[in-house]
N, C-alpha and C. Protein backbone atom coordinates (compact mmCIF):
# COMPACT_ATOMS: atom_id res chain seq x y z
N MET A 1 -6.03 9.10 34.19
CA MET A 1 -6.95 8.25 34.92
C MET A 1 -6.35 7.86 36.27
N ARG A 2 -5.07 8.07 36.47
CA ARG A 2 -4.37 7.80 37.72
C ARG A 2 -4.59 6.39 38.25
N GLY A 3 -4.72 5.39 37.35
CA GLY A 3 -4.82 4.01 37.77
C GLY A 3 -6.18 3.56 38.25
N ARG A 4 -7.19 4.42 38.17
CA ARG A 4 -8.53 4.06 38.63
C ARG A 4 -9.07 2.81 37.96
N LEU A 5 -8.76 2.62 36.69
CA LEU A 5 -9.31 1.51 35.93
C LEU A 5 -8.24 0.48 35.57
N HIS A 6 -7.09 0.52 36.24
CA HIS A 6 -6.00 -0.40 35.95
C HIS A 6 -6.49 -1.84 36.13
N ASN A 7 -6.29 -2.66 35.11
CA ASN A 7 -6.70 -4.07 35.09
C ASN A 7 -8.20 -4.26 35.29
N ARG A 8 -8.99 -3.29 34.90
CA ARG A 8 -10.46 -3.42 34.97
C ARG A 8 -10.99 -3.69 33.57
N PHE A 9 -12.03 -4.47 33.49
CA PHE A 9 -12.71 -4.74 32.23
C PHE A 9 -13.78 -3.68 32.05
N VAL A 10 -13.68 -2.89 30.99
CA VAL A 10 -14.66 -1.84 30.73
C VAL A 10 -15.42 -2.18 29.45
N SER A 11 -16.58 -1.59 29.29
CA SER A 11 -17.41 -1.84 28.12
C SER A 11 -17.54 -0.56 27.32
N THR A 12 -17.83 -0.73 26.04
CA THR A 12 -18.08 0.41 25.18
C THR A 12 -19.35 0.13 24.39
N ALA A 13 -20.06 1.17 24.08
CA ALA A 13 -21.32 1.01 23.33
C ALA A 13 -21.01 0.74 21.87
N CYS A 14 -21.69 -0.20 21.30
CA CYS A 14 -21.56 -0.47 19.87
C CYS A 14 -22.83 0.00 19.21
N PRO A 15 -22.81 0.55 18.07
CA PRO A 15 -21.69 0.57 17.14
C PRO A 15 -20.77 1.77 17.29
N ASP A 16 -21.04 2.70 18.20
CA ASP A 16 -20.23 3.91 18.26
C ASP A 16 -19.49 4.04 19.59
N PRO A 17 -18.23 3.55 19.68
CA PRO A 17 -17.47 3.66 20.92
C PRO A 17 -16.94 5.06 21.18
N PHE A 18 -17.23 5.98 20.27
CA PHE A 18 -16.71 7.33 20.41
C PHE A 18 -17.79 8.32 20.87
N LEU A 19 -18.94 7.79 21.29
CA LEU A 19 -20.02 8.63 21.75
C LEU A 19 -20.62 7.98 23.00
N SER A 20 -20.82 8.75 24.04
CA SER A 20 -21.39 8.21 25.28
C SER A 20 -22.47 9.14 25.80
N LEU A 21 -23.00 8.80 26.96
CA LEU A 21 -23.99 9.67 27.59
C LEU A 21 -23.41 11.04 27.90
N ASN A 22 -22.08 11.10 28.03
CA ASN A 22 -21.40 12.37 28.32
C ASN A 22 -21.07 13.13 27.04
N GLY A 23 -21.57 12.67 25.90
CA GLY A 23 -21.29 13.35 24.64
C GLY A 23 -20.14 12.70 23.90
N PRO A 24 -19.69 13.33 22.84
CA PRO A 24 -18.61 12.75 22.04
C PRO A 24 -17.30 12.70 22.84
N ALA A 25 -16.55 11.64 22.64
CA ALA A 25 -15.24 11.52 23.27
C ALA A 25 -14.26 12.46 22.57
N PRO A 26 -13.32 13.04 23.30
CA PRO A 26 -12.31 13.88 22.67
C PRO A 26 -11.48 13.07 21.67
N ASP A 27 -10.84 13.76 20.72
CA ASP A 27 -9.97 13.07 19.76
C ASP A 27 -8.96 12.21 20.49
N GLY A 28 -8.75 11.00 19.98
CA GLY A 28 -7.77 10.10 20.57
C GLY A 28 -8.27 9.36 21.80
N CYS A 29 -9.57 9.45 22.08
CA CYS A 29 -10.15 8.78 23.25
C CYS A 29 -11.31 7.89 22.82
N VAL A 30 -11.66 6.97 23.69
CA VAL A 30 -12.81 6.12 23.48
C VAL A 30 -13.73 6.27 24.70
N ALA A 31 -15.04 6.27 24.47
CA ALA A 31 -16.02 6.39 25.55
C ALA A 31 -16.32 5.01 26.10
N VAL A 32 -16.15 4.81 27.41
CA VAL A 32 -16.39 3.52 28.04
C VAL A 32 -17.24 3.70 29.29
N PHE A 33 -17.75 2.57 29.78
CA PHE A 33 -18.47 2.60 31.05
C PHE A 33 -18.16 1.33 31.81
N CYS A 34 -18.28 1.39 33.11
CA CYS A 34 -18.11 0.23 33.98
C CYS A 34 -18.78 0.53 35.30
N SER A 35 -19.05 -0.52 36.06
CA SER A 35 -19.61 -0.30 37.39
C SER A 35 -18.48 -0.38 38.40
N LEU A 36 -18.60 0.37 39.44
CA LEU A 36 -17.60 0.34 40.49
C LEU A 36 -17.78 -0.94 41.29
N ASN A 37 -16.76 -1.34 42.03
CA ASN A 37 -16.85 -2.54 42.85
C ASN A 37 -17.90 -2.35 43.93
N GLY A 38 -18.58 -3.42 44.27
CA GLY A 38 -19.56 -3.35 45.34
C GLY A 38 -20.97 -3.60 44.84
N ALA A 39 -21.81 -4.08 45.71
CA ALA A 39 -23.18 -4.38 45.35
C ALA A 39 -23.95 -3.09 45.08
N GLY A 40 -24.73 -3.09 44.02
CA GLY A 40 -25.56 -1.94 43.69
C GLY A 40 -24.79 -0.71 43.25
N ALA A 41 -23.55 -0.90 42.83
CA ALA A 41 -22.73 0.24 42.43
C ALA A 41 -23.27 0.88 41.15
N ALA A 42 -23.19 2.16 41.08
CA ALA A 42 -23.66 2.91 39.91
C ALA A 42 -22.68 2.76 38.75
N ILE A 43 -23.20 2.90 37.56
CA ILE A 43 -22.36 2.86 36.36
C ILE A 43 -21.65 4.19 36.22
N GLN A 44 -20.35 4.14 35.96
CA GLN A 44 -19.54 5.33 35.76
C GLN A 44 -19.14 5.41 34.28
N HIS A 45 -19.10 6.60 33.73
CA HIS A 45 -18.70 6.83 32.33
C HIS A 45 -17.36 7.54 32.30
N TYR A 46 -16.50 7.11 31.36
CA TYR A 46 -15.15 7.68 31.24
C TYR A 46 -14.80 7.90 29.78
N HIS A 47 -13.91 8.82 29.52
CA HIS A 47 -13.24 8.97 28.23
C HIS A 47 -11.79 8.58 28.46
N ILE A 48 -11.36 7.48 27.87
CA ILE A 48 -10.02 6.96 28.09
C ILE A 48 -9.17 7.18 26.84
N PRO A 49 -7.96 7.74 27.00
CA PRO A 49 -7.06 7.87 25.84
C PRO A 49 -6.76 6.49 25.25
N ILE A 50 -6.78 6.42 23.94
CA ILE A 50 -6.55 5.14 23.27
C ILE A 50 -5.19 4.56 23.64
N THR A 51 -4.21 5.41 23.90
CA THR A 51 -2.87 4.93 24.25
C THR A 51 -2.85 4.22 25.60
N ASP A 52 -3.89 4.40 26.43
CA ASP A 52 -3.96 3.74 27.73
C ASP A 52 -4.67 2.39 27.69
N LEU A 53 -5.20 2.01 26.53
CA LEU A 53 -5.93 0.75 26.42
C LEU A 53 -5.00 -0.40 26.06
N SER A 54 -5.35 -1.59 26.51
CA SER A 54 -4.64 -2.80 26.10
C SER A 54 -5.66 -3.90 25.86
N GLN A 55 -5.28 -4.89 25.07
CA GLN A 55 -6.19 -5.97 24.76
C GLN A 55 -6.44 -6.83 25.98
N ALA A 56 -7.62 -7.40 26.03
CA ALA A 56 -7.95 -8.37 27.07
C ALA A 56 -7.75 -9.75 26.48
N PRO A 57 -6.76 -10.51 26.96
CA PRO A 57 -6.52 -11.84 26.38
C PRO A 57 -7.56 -12.85 26.86
N PRO A 58 -7.85 -13.85 26.04
CA PRO A 58 -8.77 -14.91 26.46
C PRO A 58 -8.11 -15.82 27.48
N ARG A 59 -8.90 -16.61 28.19
CA ARG A 59 -8.37 -17.52 29.20
C ARG A 59 -8.78 -18.97 28.99
N LYS A 60 -9.78 -19.21 28.10
CA LYS A 60 -10.24 -20.57 27.89
C LYS A 60 -10.94 -20.68 26.55
N LYS A 61 -11.20 -21.91 26.13
CA LYS A 61 -11.89 -22.13 24.85
C LYS A 61 -13.35 -21.72 24.99
N ASN A 62 -13.99 -21.56 23.84
CA ASN A 62 -15.39 -21.16 23.71
C ASN A 62 -15.66 -19.71 24.08
N GLN A 63 -14.63 -18.91 24.34
CA GLN A 63 -14.82 -17.47 24.50
C GLN A 63 -14.78 -16.85 23.11
N GLU A 64 -15.36 -15.68 22.98
CA GLU A 64 -15.34 -14.99 21.70
C GLU A 64 -14.28 -13.91 21.70
N CYS A 65 -13.69 -13.68 20.53
CA CYS A 65 -12.69 -12.63 20.40
C CYS A 65 -12.86 -11.95 19.05
N ILE A 66 -12.35 -10.73 18.99
CA ILE A 66 -12.32 -10.01 17.71
C ILE A 66 -10.90 -10.10 17.20
N VAL A 67 -10.76 -10.41 15.93
CA VAL A 67 -9.45 -10.54 15.31
C VAL A 67 -8.97 -9.16 14.88
N LEU A 68 -7.77 -8.79 15.31
CA LEU A 68 -7.23 -7.46 15.06
C LEU A 68 -6.25 -7.41 13.89
N ASP A 69 -5.85 -8.59 13.36
CA ASP A 69 -4.79 -8.65 12.37
C ASP A 69 -5.05 -9.80 11.40
N GLY A 70 -4.57 -9.67 10.18
CA GLY A 70 -4.64 -10.76 9.21
C GLY A 70 -5.91 -10.76 8.37
N SER A 71 -6.11 -11.87 7.67
CA SER A 71 -7.23 -11.95 6.72
C SER A 71 -8.59 -11.98 7.41
N LEU A 72 -8.65 -12.37 8.67
CA LEU A 72 -9.91 -12.40 9.41
C LEU A 72 -10.14 -11.13 10.22
N ARG A 73 -9.35 -10.10 9.97
CA ARG A 73 -9.44 -8.85 10.73
C ARG A 73 -10.88 -8.34 10.82
N SER A 74 -11.28 -7.93 11.99
CA SER A 74 -12.58 -7.37 12.35
C SER A 74 -13.68 -8.42 12.48
N SER A 75 -13.36 -9.69 12.32
CA SER A 75 -14.38 -10.72 12.51
C SER A 75 -14.38 -11.19 13.96
N ILE A 76 -15.55 -11.57 14.43
CA ILE A 76 -15.66 -12.12 15.77
C ILE A 76 -15.69 -13.63 15.63
N SER A 77 -14.77 -14.29 16.34
CA SER A 77 -14.61 -15.74 16.23
C SER A 77 -14.63 -16.39 17.60
N THR A 78 -14.96 -17.68 17.62
CA THR A 78 -14.97 -18.45 18.86
C THR A 78 -13.65 -19.20 18.98
N ILE A 79 -13.08 -19.18 20.16
CA ILE A 79 -11.80 -19.83 20.41
C ILE A 79 -12.00 -21.33 20.57
N ALA A 80 -11.28 -22.11 19.76
CA ALA A 80 -11.35 -23.58 19.83
C ALA A 80 -10.36 -24.12 20.85
N LYS A 81 -9.20 -23.45 21.00
CA LYS A 81 -8.18 -23.89 21.94
C LYS A 81 -7.40 -22.66 22.39
N CYS A 82 -7.08 -22.61 23.68
CA CYS A 82 -6.32 -21.49 24.23
C CYS A 82 -5.07 -22.03 24.91
N ASN A 83 -3.89 -21.57 24.47
CA ASN A 83 -2.63 -22.02 25.04
C ASN A 83 -2.01 -20.85 25.80
N LEU A 84 -2.20 -20.84 27.12
CA LEU A 84 -1.71 -19.73 27.95
C LEU A 84 -0.19 -19.67 28.01
N LYS A 85 0.49 -20.82 27.93
CA LYS A 85 1.96 -20.82 27.99
C LYS A 85 2.57 -20.17 26.75
N LYS A 86 1.98 -20.43 25.59
CA LYS A 86 2.50 -19.88 24.34
C LYS A 86 1.83 -18.56 23.96
N ASN A 87 0.80 -18.14 24.72
CA ASN A 87 0.04 -16.93 24.40
C ASN A 87 -0.55 -16.98 22.99
N THR A 88 -1.16 -18.14 22.67
CA THR A 88 -1.79 -18.32 21.36
C THR A 88 -3.18 -18.93 21.52
N VAL A 89 -3.98 -18.75 20.49
CA VAL A 89 -5.29 -19.39 20.43
C VAL A 89 -5.45 -20.03 19.05
N ASP A 90 -6.27 -21.07 18.99
CA ASP A 90 -6.68 -21.66 17.73
C ASP A 90 -8.14 -21.28 17.50
N ILE A 91 -8.41 -20.78 16.30
CA ILE A 91 -9.76 -20.37 15.93
C ILE A 91 -10.21 -21.24 14.77
N ALA A 92 -11.43 -21.74 14.86
CA ALA A 92 -11.98 -22.59 13.80
C ALA A 92 -12.53 -21.70 12.68
N VAL A 93 -11.89 -21.78 11.52
CA VAL A 93 -12.35 -21.04 10.34
C VAL A 93 -13.49 -21.84 9.70
N THR A 94 -13.30 -23.14 9.60
CA THR A 94 -14.33 -24.09 9.18
C THR A 94 -14.26 -25.24 10.18
N PRO A 95 -15.21 -26.15 10.16
CA PRO A 95 -15.15 -27.25 11.13
C PRO A 95 -13.86 -28.08 11.08
N SER A 96 -13.20 -28.09 9.94
CA SER A 96 -11.97 -28.88 9.83
C SER A 96 -10.70 -28.05 9.71
N THR A 97 -10.82 -26.70 9.72
CA THR A 97 -9.65 -25.84 9.54
C THR A 97 -9.49 -24.90 10.74
N LEU A 98 -8.31 -25.00 11.37
CA LEU A 98 -7.97 -24.11 12.49
C LEU A 98 -6.85 -23.18 12.09
N ILE A 99 -6.88 -21.96 12.59
CA ILE A 99 -5.73 -21.07 12.43
C ILE A 99 -5.26 -20.67 13.83
N THR A 100 -3.96 -20.46 13.95
CA THR A 100 -3.37 -20.08 15.23
C THR A 100 -3.04 -18.60 15.19
N LEU A 101 -3.46 -17.88 16.24
CA LEU A 101 -3.17 -16.46 16.36
C LEU A 101 -2.55 -16.18 17.72
N ARG A 102 -1.68 -15.16 17.76
CA ARG A 102 -1.08 -14.73 19.04
C ARG A 102 -2.07 -13.85 19.79
N PHE A 103 -1.88 -13.74 21.09
CA PHE A 103 -2.77 -12.90 21.90
C PHE A 103 -2.76 -11.45 21.43
N ASP A 104 -1.64 -10.96 20.88
CA ASP A 104 -1.61 -9.57 20.44
C ASP A 104 -2.37 -9.35 19.13
N GLN A 105 -2.87 -10.42 18.52
CA GLN A 105 -3.63 -10.32 17.29
C GLN A 105 -5.14 -10.39 17.54
N ILE A 106 -5.54 -10.55 18.80
CA ILE A 106 -6.96 -10.69 19.13
C ILE A 106 -7.29 -9.90 20.38
N CYS A 107 -8.57 -9.72 20.63
CA CYS A 107 -9.03 -9.09 21.87
C CYS A 107 -10.31 -9.80 22.30
N LEU A 108 -10.39 -10.13 23.58
CA LEU A 108 -11.56 -10.80 24.14
C LEU A 108 -12.79 -9.94 23.97
N VAL A 109 -13.91 -10.57 23.65
CA VAL A 109 -15.19 -9.90 23.48
C VAL A 109 -16.19 -10.59 24.40
N GLU A 110 -16.93 -9.81 25.17
CA GLU A 110 -18.01 -10.36 25.99
C GLU A 110 -19.31 -9.72 25.55
N LYS A 111 -20.31 -10.55 25.33
CA LYS A 111 -21.61 -10.02 24.94
C LYS A 111 -22.23 -9.31 26.13
N SER A 112 -23.00 -8.30 25.82
CA SER A 112 -23.72 -7.57 26.84
C SER A 112 -24.70 -8.50 27.53
N ARG A 113 -24.87 -8.34 28.82
CA ARG A 113 -25.82 -9.19 29.55
C ARG A 113 -27.23 -9.00 29.01
N ALA A 114 -27.50 -7.87 28.42
CA ALA A 114 -28.83 -7.60 27.87
C ALA A 114 -29.11 -8.44 26.63
N THR A 115 -28.05 -8.90 25.92
CA THR A 115 -28.24 -9.68 24.70
C THR A 115 -28.06 -11.17 24.92
N ILE A 116 -27.70 -11.58 26.12
CA ILE A 116 -27.48 -13.01 26.37
C ILE A 116 -28.80 -13.69 26.64
């Protein structure tokens, strides 16, 4: 990718991140799309090797994340508290129970503008 998407937030189609308008992604890749910088920019489609991806950490409370590790793995949860210095978040399991997870155990999730 030669750094074209370095530090860019890209989206993937759910439920199948391995299939895009360009067809199936090659083995070891995920199909993503993003718009280029600038007003009225067209959407670009890419197949990115999984080894080139990194998690997007949250920055504040009330953002949603997907849990990548532990008993809540694969669940989407709302962040109750975000500690940037410690790289941890607190997630409310119940109204009175919080669990603390490291940034490497979660990934930021943004809902599609079409579903908001």
